[in-house]
PDB file of N, CA and C in Angstrom:
ATOM      1  N   UNK A   1    -104.514-131.356 153.954  1.00  0.00           N
ATOM      2  CA  UNK A   1    -104.130-132.366 152.885  1.00  0.00           C
ATOM      3  C   UNK A   1    -104.482-131.769 151.543  1.00  0.00           C
ATOM      4  N   UNK A   2    -103.611-131.768 150.729  1.00  0.00           N
ATOM      5  CA  UNK A   2    -103.818-131.491 149.407  1.00  0.00           C
ATOM      6  C   UNK A   2    -104.770-132.164 148.783  1.00  0.00           C
ATOM      7  N   UNK A   3    -105.583-131.744 147.540  1.00  0.00           N
ATOM      8  CA  UNK A   3    -106.288-132.617 147.104  1.00  0.00           C
ATOM      9  C   UNK A   3    -105.727-133.839 146.364  1.00  0.00           C
ATOM     10  N   UNK A   4    -104.447-133.795 145.834  1.00  0.00           N
ATOM     11  CA  UNK A   4    -103.856-134.923 145.427  1.00  0.00           C
ATOM     12  C   UNK A   4    -103.468-136.066 146.621  1.00  0.00           C
ATOM     13  N   UNK A   5    -103.005-135.538 147.596  1.00  0.00           N
ATOM     14  CA  UNK A   5    -102.665-136.492 148.376  1.00  0.00           C
ATOM     15  C   UNK A   5    -103.948-137.182 149.350  1.00  0.00           C
ATOM     16  N   UNK A   6    -105.175-136.571 149.104  1.00  0.00           N
ATOM     17  CA  UNK A   6    -106.250-136.956 149.676  1.00  0.00           C
ATOM     18  C   UNK A   6    -107.037-137.813 148.649  1.00  0.00           C
ATOM     19  N   UNK A   7    -106.845-137.497 147.179  1.00  0.00           N
ATOM     20  CA  UNK A   7    -107.338-138.517 146.314  1.00  0.00           C
ATOM     21  C   UNK A   7    -106.268-139.783 146.378  1.00  0.00           C
ATOM     22  N   UNK A   8    -105.087-139.374 146.554  1.00  0.00           N
ATOM     23  CA  UNK A   8    -104.294-140.728 146.509  1.00  0.00           C
ATOM     24  C   UNK A   8    -104.569-141.607 147.688  1.00  0.00           C
ATOM     25  N   UNK A   9    -104.565-141.045 148.711  1.00  0.00           N
ATOM     26  CA  UNK A   9    -105.030-141.950 150.081  1.00  0.00           C
ATOM     27  C   UNK A   9    -106.073-142.766 149.752  1.00  0.00           C
ATOM     28  N   UNK A  10    -107.119-141.858 149.258  1.00  0.00           N
ATOM     29  CA  UNK A  10    -108.523-142.415 149.147  1.00  0.00           C
ATOM     30  C   UNK A  10    -108.440-143.743 148.382  1.00  0.00           C
ATOM     31  N   UNK A  11    -107.606-143.427 147.097  1.00  0.00           N
ATOM     32  CA  UNK A  11    -107.541-144.646 146.279  1.00  0.00           C
ATOM     33  C   UNK A  11    -106.778-146.022 147.024  1.00  0.00           C
ATOM     34  N   UNK A  12    -105.745-145.551 147.885  1.00  0.00           N
ATOM     35  CA  UNK A  12    -105.211-146.669 148.556  1.00  0.00           C
ATOM     36  C   UNK A  12    -105.914-147.318 149.544  1.00  0.00           C
ATOM     37  N   UNK A  13    -106.938-146.523 150.167  1.00  0.00           N
ATOM     38  CA  UNK A  13    -107.852-147.027 151.085  1.00  0.00           C
ATOM     39  C   UNK A  13    -108.871-147.967 150.247  1.00  0.00           C
ATOM     40  N   UNK A  14    -109.087-147.516 149.152  1.00  0.00           N
ATOM     41  CA  UNK A  14    -110.011-148.459 148.242  1.00  0.00           C
ATOM     42  C   UNK A  14    -109.542-149.910 147.949  1.00  0.00           C
ATOM     43  N   UNK A  15    -108.034-149.820 147.438  1.00  0.00           N
ATOM     44  CA  UNK A  15    -107.512-150.742 147.070  1.00  0.00           C
ATOM     45  C   UNK A  15    -107.247-151.697 148.458  1.00  0.00           C
ATOM     46  N   UNK A  16    -107.112-150.960 149.625  1.00  0.00           N
ATOM     47  CA  UNK A  16    -107.273-152.012 150.793  1.00  0.00           C
ATOM     48  C   UNK A  16    -108.414-152.837 150.961  1.00  0.00           C
ATOM     49  N   UNK A  17    -109.372-152.078 150.556  1.00  0.00           N
ATOM     50  CA  UNK A  17    -110.718-152.736 150.878  1.00  0.00           C
ATOM     51  C   UNK A  17    -110.947-153.709 149.756  1.00  0.00           C
ATOM     52  N   UNK A  18    -110.919-153.427 148.547  1.00  0.00           N
ATOM     53  CA  UNK A  18    -111.216-154.575 147.701  1.00  0.00           C
ATOM     54  C   UNK A  18    -110.068-155.321 146.851  1.00  0.00           C
ATOM     55  N   UNK A  19    -108.985-154.961 147.176  1.00  0.00           N
ATOM     56  CA  UNK A  19    -107.519-155.810 147.056  1.00  0.00           C
ATOM     57  C   UNK A  19    -107.700-156.325 145.530  1.00  0.00           C
ATOM     58  N   UNK A  20    -107.974-155.538 144.554  1.00  0.00           N
ATOM     59  CA  UNK A  20    -108.050-155.993 143.227  1.00  0.00           C
ATOM     60  C   UNK A  20    -106.731-156.579 142.639  1.00  0.00           C
ATOM     61  N   UNK A  21    -106.889-157.798 141.974  1.00  0.00           N
ATOM     62  CA  UNK A  21    -105.796-158.297 141.179  1.00  0.00           C
ATOM     63  C   UNK A  21    -105.300-157.332 140.196  1.00  0.00           C
ATOM     64  N   UNK A  22    -103.866-157.408 140.086  1.00  0.00           N
ATOM     65  CA  UNK A  22    -102.959-156.441 139.311  1.00  0.00           C
ATOM     66  C   UNK A  22    -102.704-155.200 139.922  1.00  0.00           C
ATOM     67  N   UNK A  23    -103.141-154.873 140.975  1.00  0.00           N
ATOM     68  CA  UNK A  23    -102.989-153.608 141.600  1.00  0.00           C
ATOM     69  C   UNK A  23    -101.543-153.599 142.470  1.00  0.00           C
ATOM     70  N   UNK A  24    -100.755-152.441 142.139  1.00  0.00           N
ATOM     71  CA  UNK A  24     -99.409-152.693 143.098  1.00  0.00           C
ATOM     72  C   UNK A  24     -99.701-152.360 144.333  1.00  0.00           C
ATOM     73  N   UNK A  25    -100.765-151.550 144.821  1.00  0.00           N
ATOM     74  CA  UNK A  25    -101.063-151.100 146.231  1.00  0.00           C
ATOM     75  C   UNK A  25    -101.634-152.239 146.689  1.00  0.00           C
ATOM     76  N   UNK A  26    -102.235-153.130 146.081  1.00  0.00           N
ATOM     77  CA  UNK A  26    -102.967-154.528 146.907  1.00  0.00           C
ATOM     78  C   UNK A  26    -101.677-155.524 146.851  1.00  0.00           C
ATOM     79  N   UNK A  27    -100.974-155.596 145.878  1.00  0.00           N
ATOM     80  CA  UNK A  27     -99.925-156.526 146.212  1.00  0.00           C
ATOM     81  C   UNK A  27     -99.003-156.090 147.483  1.00  0.00           C
ATOM     82  N   UNK A  28     -98.648-154.556 147.461  1.00  0.00           N
ATOM     83  CA  UNK A  28     -97.936-154.192 148.937  1.00  0.00           C
ATOM     84  C   UNK A  28     -98.486-154.685 150.017  1.00  0.00           C
ATOM     85  N   UNK A  29     -99.804-154.426 149.958  1.00  0.00           N
ATOM     86  CA  UNK A  29    -100.775-154.752 151.086  1.00  0.00           C
ATOM     87  C   UNK A  29    -100.835-156.124 151.794  1.00  0.00           C
ATOM     88  N   UNK A  30    -100.901-157.051 150.545  1.00  0.00           N
ATOM     89  CA  UNK A  30    -100.758-158.350 150.595  1.00  0.00           C
ATOM     90  C   UNK A  30     -99.562-158.970 151.271  1.00  0.00           C
ATOM     91  N   UNK A  31     -98.394-158.500 150.915  1.00  0.00           N
ATOM     92  CA  UNK A  31     -97.044-158.797 151.344  1.00  0.00           C
ATOM     93  C   UNK A  31     -96.736-158.485 152.586  1.00  0.00           C
ATOM     94  N   UNK A  32     -97.529-157.432 153.016  1.00  0.00           N
ATOM     95  CA  UNK A  32     -97.364-157.053 154.539  1.00  0.00           C
ATOM     96  C   UNK A  32     -96.484-156.006 154.923  1.00  0.00           C
ATOM     97  N   UNK A  33     -96.448-155.784 156.239  1.00  0.00           N
ATOM     98  CA  UNK A  33     -95.785-154.569 156.930  1.00  0.00           C
ATOM     99  C   UNK A  33     -94.359-154.634 156.509  1.00  0.00           C
ATOM    100  N   UNK A  34     -93.638-155.742 156.552  1.00  0.00           N
ATOM    101  CA  UNK A  34     -92.129-155.862 156.314  1.00  0.00           C
ATOM    102  C   UNK A  34     -92.034-155.541 154.820  1.00  0.00           C
ATOM    103  N   UNK A  35     -92.627-155.814 153.900  1.00  0.00           N
ATOM    104  CA  UNK A  35     -92.479-155.545 152.504  1.00  0.00           C
ATOM    105  C   UNK A  35     -92.583-154.112 152.312  1.00  0.00           C
ATOM    106  N   UNK A  36     -93.403-153.446 153.021  1.00  0.00           N
ATOM    107  CA  UNK A  36     -93.880-152.001 152.817  1.00  0.00           C
ATOM    108  C   UNK A  36     -92.797-151.048 153.380  1.00  0.00           C
ATOM    109  N   UNK A  37     -92.434-151.558 154.554  1.00  0.00           N
ATOM    110  CA  UNK A  37     -91.138-150.817 155.020  1.00  0.00           C
ATOM    111  C   UNK A  37     -89.808-151.151 154.517  1.00  0.00           C
ATOM    112  N   UNK A  38     -89.665-152.334 153.797  1.00  0.00           N
ATOM    113  CA  UNK A  38     -88.563-152.407 152.890  1.00  0.00           C
ATOM    114  C   UNK A  38     -88.492-151.328 151.810  1.00  0.00           C
ATOM    115  N   UNK A  39     -89.764-151.236 151.046  1.00  0.00           N
ATOM    116  CA  UNK A  39     -89.933-150.360 150.084  1.00  0.00           C
ATOM    117  C   UNK A  39     -89.732-148.773 150.610  1.00  0.00           C
ATOM    118  N   UNK A  40     -90.071-148.351 151.704  1.00  0.00           N
ATOM    119  CA  UNK A  40     -89.965-147.067 152.412  1.00  0.00           C
ATOM    120  C   UNK A  40     -88.294-146.856 152.406  1.00  0.00           C
ATOM    121  N   UNK A  41     -87.674-147.764 152.953  1.00  0.00           N
ATOM    122  CA  UNK A  41     -86.318-147.797 153.000  1.00  0.00           C
ATOM    123  C   UNK A  41     -85.597-147.781 151.716  1.00  0.00           C
ATOM    124  N   UNK A  42     -86.071-148.507 150.585  1.00  0.00           N
ATOM    125  CA  UNK A  42     -85.361-148.280 149.481  1.00  0.00           C
ATOM    126  C   UNK A  42     -85.808-146.925 148.772  1.00  0.00           C
ATOM    127  N   UNK A  43     -86.621-146.310 149.048  1.00  0.00           N
ATOM    128  CA  UNK A  43     -87.097-144.968 148.399  1.00  0.00           C
ATOM    129  C   UNK A  43     -86.497-143.979 149.144  1.00  0.00           C
ATOM    130  N   UNK A  44     -86.460-144.039 150.428  1.00  0.00           N
ATOM    131  CA  UNK A  44     -85.709-142.888 151.358  1.00  0.00           C
ATOM    132  C   UNK A  44     -84.212-142.873 150.556  1.00  0.00           C
ATOM    133  N   UNK A  45     -83.661-143.961 150.720  1.00  0.00           N
ATOM    134  CA  UNK A  45     -82.159-144.057 150.074  1.00  0.00           C
ATOM    135  C   UNK A  45     -82.182-143.390 148.392  1.00  0.00           C
ATOM    136  N   UNK A  46     -83.010-143.785 147.682  1.00  0.00           N
ATOM    137  CA  UNK A  46     -83.215-143.159 146.143  1.00  0.00           C
ATOM    138  C   UNK A  46     -83.533-141.586 146.514  1.00  0.00           C
ATOM    139  N   UNK A  47     -84.275-141.142 147.558  1.00  0.00           N
ATOM    140  CA  UNK A  47     -84.193-139.426 147.590  1.00  0.00           C
ATOM    141  C   UNK A  47     -82.816-139.048 148.124  1.00  0.00           C
ATOM    142  N   UNK A  48     -82.087-139.617 148.909  1.00  0.00           N
ATOM    143  CA  UNK A  48     -80.745-139.236 148.918  1.00  0.00           C
ATOM    144  C   UNK A  48     -79.958-139.088 148.059  1.00  0.00           C
ATOM    145  N   UNK A  49     -79.919-140.323 147.383  1.00  0.00           N
ATOM    146  CA  UNK A  49     -79.070-140.399 146.108  1.00  0.00           C
ATOM    147  C   UNK A  49     -79.404-139.329 144.961  1.00  0.00           C
ATOM    148  N   UNK A  50     -80.689-139.210 144.667  1.00  0.00           N
ATOM    149  CA  UNK A  50     -81.080-138.187 144.003  1.00  0.00           C
ATOM    150  C   UNK A  50     -80.551-136.805 144.296  1.00  0.00           C
ATOM    151  N   UNK A  51     -80.991-136.308 145.671  1.00  0.00           N
ATOM    152  CA  UNK A  51     -80.518-135.027 146.134  1.00  0.00           C
ATOM    153  C   UNK A  51     -78.948-134.769 146.421  1.00  0.00           C
ATOM    154  N   UNK A  52     -78.169-136.002 146.010  1.00  0.00           N
ATOM    155  CA  UNK A  52     -76.718-135.704 146.024  1.00  0.00           C
ATOM    156  C   UNK A  52     -76.350-135.550 144.787  1.00  0.00           C
ATOM    157  N   UNK A  53     -76.969-135.656 143.653  1.00  0.00           N
ATOM    158  CA  UNK A  53     -76.514-135.318 142.375  1.00  0.00           C
ATOM    159  C   UNK A  53     -77.134-135.751 140.976  1.00  0.00           C
ATOM    160  N   UNK A  54     -78.498-135.941 141.259  1.00  0.00           N
ATOM    161  CA  UNK A  54     -79.182-136.281 140.085  1.00  0.00           C
ATOM    162  C   UNK A  54     -80.357-135.228 139.753  1.00  0.00           C
ATOM    163  N   UNK A  55     -80.324-134.245 140.352  1.00  0.00           N
ATOM    164  CA  UNK A  55     -81.025-133.118 140.119  1.00  0.00           C
ATOM    165  C   UNK A  55     -82.446-132.960 140.549  1.00  0.00           C
ATOM    166  N   UNK A  56     -83.152-131.700 140.460  1.00  0.00           N
ATOM    167  CA  UNK A  56     -84.544-131.482 141.207  1.00  0.00           C
ATOM    168  C   UNK A  56     -85.343-132.267 140.761  1.00  0.00           C
ATOM    169  N   UNK A  57     -85.576-132.757 139.453  1.00  0.00           N
ATOM    170  CA  UNK A  57     -86.734-133.652 138.767  1.00  0.00           C
ATOM    171  C   UNK A  57     -86.650-134.851 139.444  1.00  0.00           C
ATOM    172  N   UNK A  58     -85.515-135.409 139.488  1.00  0.00           N
ATOM    173  CA  UNK A  58     -85.253-136.606 140.095  1.00  0.00           C
ATOM    174  C   UNK A  58     -85.653-136.925 141.553  1.00  0.00           C
ATOM    175  N   UNK A  59     -85.317-135.642 142.396  1.00  0.00           N
ATOM    176  CA  UNK A  59     -85.588-135.725 143.571  1.00  0.00           C
ATOM    177  C   UNK A  59     -87.356-135.671 143.755  1.00  0.00           C
ATOM    178  N   UNK A  60     -87.852-134.872 143.035  1.00  0.00           N
ATOM    179  CA  UNK A  60     -89.478-134.736 143.092  1.00  0.00           C
ATOM    180  C   UNK A  60     -89.935-136.210 142.672  1.00  0.00           C
ATOM    181  N   UNK A  61     -89.494-136.928 141.662  1.00  0.00           N
ATOM    182  CA  UNK A  61     -90.027-138.205 141.405  1.00  0.00           C
ATOM    183  C   UNK A  61     -89.790-139.219 142.416  1.00  0.00           C
ATOM    184  N   UNK A  62     -88.465-139.291 143.288  1.00  0.00           N
ATOM    185  CA  UNK A  62     -88.325-140.047 144.101  1.00  0.00           C
ATOM    186  C   UNK A  62     -88.980-139.854 145.302  1.00  0.00           C
ATOM    187  N   UNK A  63     -89.163-138.340 145.645  1.00  0.00           N
ATOM    188  CA  UNK A  63     -90.048-138.147 146.940  1.00  0.00           C
ATOM    189  C   UNK A  63     -91.358-138.621 146.900  1.00  0.00           C
ATOM    190  N   UNK A  64     -91.885-138.469 145.485  1.00  0.00           N
ATOM    191  CA  UNK A  64     -93.502-138.932 145.173  1.00  0.00           C
ATOM    192  C   UNK A  64     -93.460-140.372 145.693  1.00  0.00           C
ATOM    193  N   UNK A  65     -92.385-141.086 145.146  1.00  0.00           N
ATOM    194  CA  UNK A  65     -92.309-142.540 145.567  1.00  0.00           C
ATOM    195  C   UNK A  65     -92.292-142.816 147.203  1.00  0.00           C
ATOM    196  N   UNK A  66     -91.655-142.109 147.643  1.00  0.00           N
ATOM    197  CA  UNK A  66     -91.399-142.074 149.269  1.00  0.00           C
ATOM    198  C   UNK A  66     -92.784-142.026 149.910  1.00  0.00           C
ATOM    199  N   UNK A  67     -93.315-140.835 149.580  1.00  0.00           N
ATOM    200  CA  UNK A  67     -94.777-140.496 150.221  1.00  0.00           C
ATOM    201  C   UNK A  67     -95.911-141.361 149.937  1.00  0.00           C
ATOM    202  N   UNK A  68     -95.794-142.105 148.697  1.00  0.00           N
ATOM    203  CA  UNK A  68     -96.928-143.119 148.186  1.00  0.00           C
ATOM    204  C   UNK A  68     -96.544-144.227 149.280  1.00  0.00           C
ATOM    205  N   UNK A  69     -95.422-144.766 149.415  1.00  0.00           N
ATOM    206  CA  UNK A  69     -95.174-145.769 150.162  1.00  0.00           C
ATOM    207  C   UNK A  69     -95.549-145.684 151.488  1.00  0.00           C
ATOM    208  N   UNK A  70     -95.385-144.380 152.078  1.00  0.00           N
ATOM    209  CA  UNK A  70     -95.547-143.931 153.309  1.00  0.00           C
ATOM    210  C   UNK A  70     -97.047-144.020 153.705  1.00  0.00           C
ATOM    211  N   UNK A  71     -97.991-143.409 152.461  1.00  0.00           N
ATOM    212  CA  UNK A  71     -99.415-143.440 152.628  1.00  0.00           C
ATOM    213  C   UNK A  71     -99.801-144.958 152.810  1.00  0.00           C
ATOM    214  N   UNK A  72     -99.201-145.786 151.983  1.00  0.00           N
ATOM    215  CA  UNK A  72     -99.480-147.230 152.031  1.00  0.00           C
ATOM    216  C   UNK A  72     -99.289-147.781 153.557  1.00  0.00           C
ATOM    217  N   UNK A  73     -98.260-147.277 153.829  1.00  0.00           N
ATOM    218  CA  UNK A  73     -98.069-147.879 155.428  1.00  0.00           C
ATOM    219  C   UNK A  73     -99.197-147.475 156.440  1.00  0.00           C
ATOM    220  N   UNK A  74     -99.407-146.144 156.281  1.00  0.00           N
ATOM    221  CA  UNK A  74    -100.442-145.512 157.137  1.00  0.00           C
ATOM    222  C   UNK A  74    -101.737-146.395 156.874  1.00  0.00           C
ATOM    223  N   UNK A  75    -102.248-146.535 155.551  1.00  0.00           N
ATOM    224  CA  UNK A  75    -103.479-147.381 155.385  1.00  0.00           C
ATOM    225  C   UNK A  75    -103.138-148.726 156.117  1.00  0.00           C
ATOM    226  N   UNK A  76    -102.218-149.270 155.791  1.00  0.00           N
ATOM    227  CA  UNK A  76    -101.942-150.724 156.368  1.00  0.00           C
ATOM    228  C   UNK A  76    -102.183-150.745 157.883  1.00  0.00           C
ATOM    229  N   UNK A  77    -101.907-149.706 158.395  1.00  0.00           N
ATOM    230  CA  UNK A  77    -101.729-149.684 160.000  1.00  0.00           C
ATOM    231  C   UNK A  77    -103.063-149.106 160.558  1.00  0.00           C
ATOM    232  N   UNK A  78    -104.098-148.657 159.567  1.00  0.00           N
ATOM    233  CA  UNK A  78    -105.452-148.036 159.984  1.00  0.00           C
ATOM    234  C   UNK A  78    -105.170-146.670 160.541  1.00  0.00           C
ATOM    235  N   UNK A  79    -104.311-145.861 159.969  1.00  0.00           N
ATOM    236  CA  UNK A  79    -103.881-144.657 160.282  1.00  0.00           C
ATOM    237  C   UNK A  79    -104.340-143.766 159.188  1.00  0.00           C
ATOM    238  N   UNK A  80    -104.249-142.478 159.287  1.00  0.00           N
ATOM    239  CA  UNK A  80    -104.533-141.422 158.225  1.00  0.00           C
ATOM    240  C   UNK A  80    -103.450-140.286 158.052  1.00  0.00           C
ATOM    241  N   UNK A  81    -103.364-139.656 156.868  1.00  0.00           N
ATOM    242  CA  UNK A  81    -102.567-138.596 156.800  1.00  0.00           C
ATOM    243  C   UNK A  81    -103.058-137.447 157.629  1.00  0.00           C
ATOM    244  N   UNK A  82    -104.229-137.308 157.953  1.00  0.00           N
ATOM    245  CA  UNK A  82    -104.673-136.391 158.909  1.00  0.00           C
ATOM    246  C   UNK A  82    -104.065-136.313 160.321  1.00  0.00           C
ATOM    247  N   UNK A  83    -103.773-137.738 160.720  1.00  0.00           N
ATOM    248  CA  UNK A  83    -103.305-137.904 161.944  1.00  0.00           C
ATOM    249  C   UNK A  83    -101.824-137.099 162.183  1.00  0.00           C
ATOM    250  N   UNK A  84    -101.153-137.684 160.890  1.00  0.00           N
ATOM    251  CA  UNK A  84     -99.926-137.025 160.608  1.00  0.00           C
ATOM    252  C   UNK A  84     -99.749-135.552 160.744  1.00  0.00           C
ATOM    253  N   UNK A  85    -100.771-134.925 159.954  1.00  0.00           N
ATOM    254  CA  UNK A  85    -100.711-133.478 160.018  1.00  0.00           C
ATOM    255  C   UNK A  85    -101.120-133.042 161.414  1.00  0.00           C
ATOM    256  N   UNK A  86    -102.085-133.673 162.298  1.00  0.00           N
ATOM    257  CA  UNK A  86    -102.164-133.469 163.539  1.00  0.00           C
ATOM    258  C   UNK A  86    -100.845-133.373 164.392  1.00  0.00           C
ATOM    259  N   UNK A  87    -100.271-134.383 164.443  1.00  0.00           N
ATOM    260  CA  UNK A  87     -99.004-134.713 164.734  1.00  0.00           C
ATOM    261  C   UNK A  87     -97.907-133.308 164.628  1.00  0.00           C
ATOM    262  N   UNK A  88     -97.923-133.120 163.278  1.00  0.00           N
ATOM    263  CA  UNK A  88     -97.061-132.088 162.978  1.00  0.00           C
ATOM    264  C   UNK A  88     -97.446-130.363 163.522  1.00  0.00           C
ATOM    265  N   UNK A  89     -98.817-130.524 163.511  1.00  0.00           N
ATOM    266  CA  UNK A  89     -99.418-129.212 164.261  1.00  0.00           C
ATOM    267  C   UNK A  89     -99.275-129.086 165.532  1.00  0.00           C
ATOM    268  N   UNK A  90     -99.106-130.052 166.277  1.00  0.00           N
ATOM    269  CA  UNK A  90     -98.971-130.197 167.698  1.00  0.00           C
ATOM    270  C   UNK A  90     -97.433-129.762 168.079  1.00  0.00           C
ATOM    271  N   UNK A  91     -96.503-129.832 167.137  1.00  0.00           N
ATOM    272  CA  UNK A  91     -95.102-129.265 167.290  1.00  0.00           C
ATOM    273  C   UNK A  91     -94.743-127.922 167.358  1.00  0.00           C
ATOM    274  N   UNK A  92     -95.900-127.114 166.758  1.00  0.00           N
ATOM    275  CA  UNK A  92     -95.631-125.734 166.704  1.00  0.00           C
ATOM    276  C   UNK A  92     -95.857-125.120 168.003  1.00  0.00           C
TER     277      UNK A  92
END
C-alpha cells in the first residue's frame, strides 16, 4: 500500500478508536454500516458521472472519495487494505 493509503487508513483506525467529536470519519462509524454503504454507493455513482463527461480532474476527486469511504468500511468491519491487496495478488 502506498504511504498515502497507509497514512489514511491509520488515521481512520485512530478515529475508530477515539471517536472524536467533529470527525467526519467518527460520524460515519457511529452511523453504522448502512450509512457507510450508502456513501460508497453515492461516490460510485459520482465516479461514473465524472468519467462520462466531467474530466479527469473530477474523476480523480470522486475516486479519492470512493476509496476513502471503502477504507472506512474496511475499518468498520475490522479488515485491512493489506487483506484486499492479498486478495488481488491471489488472482494473478
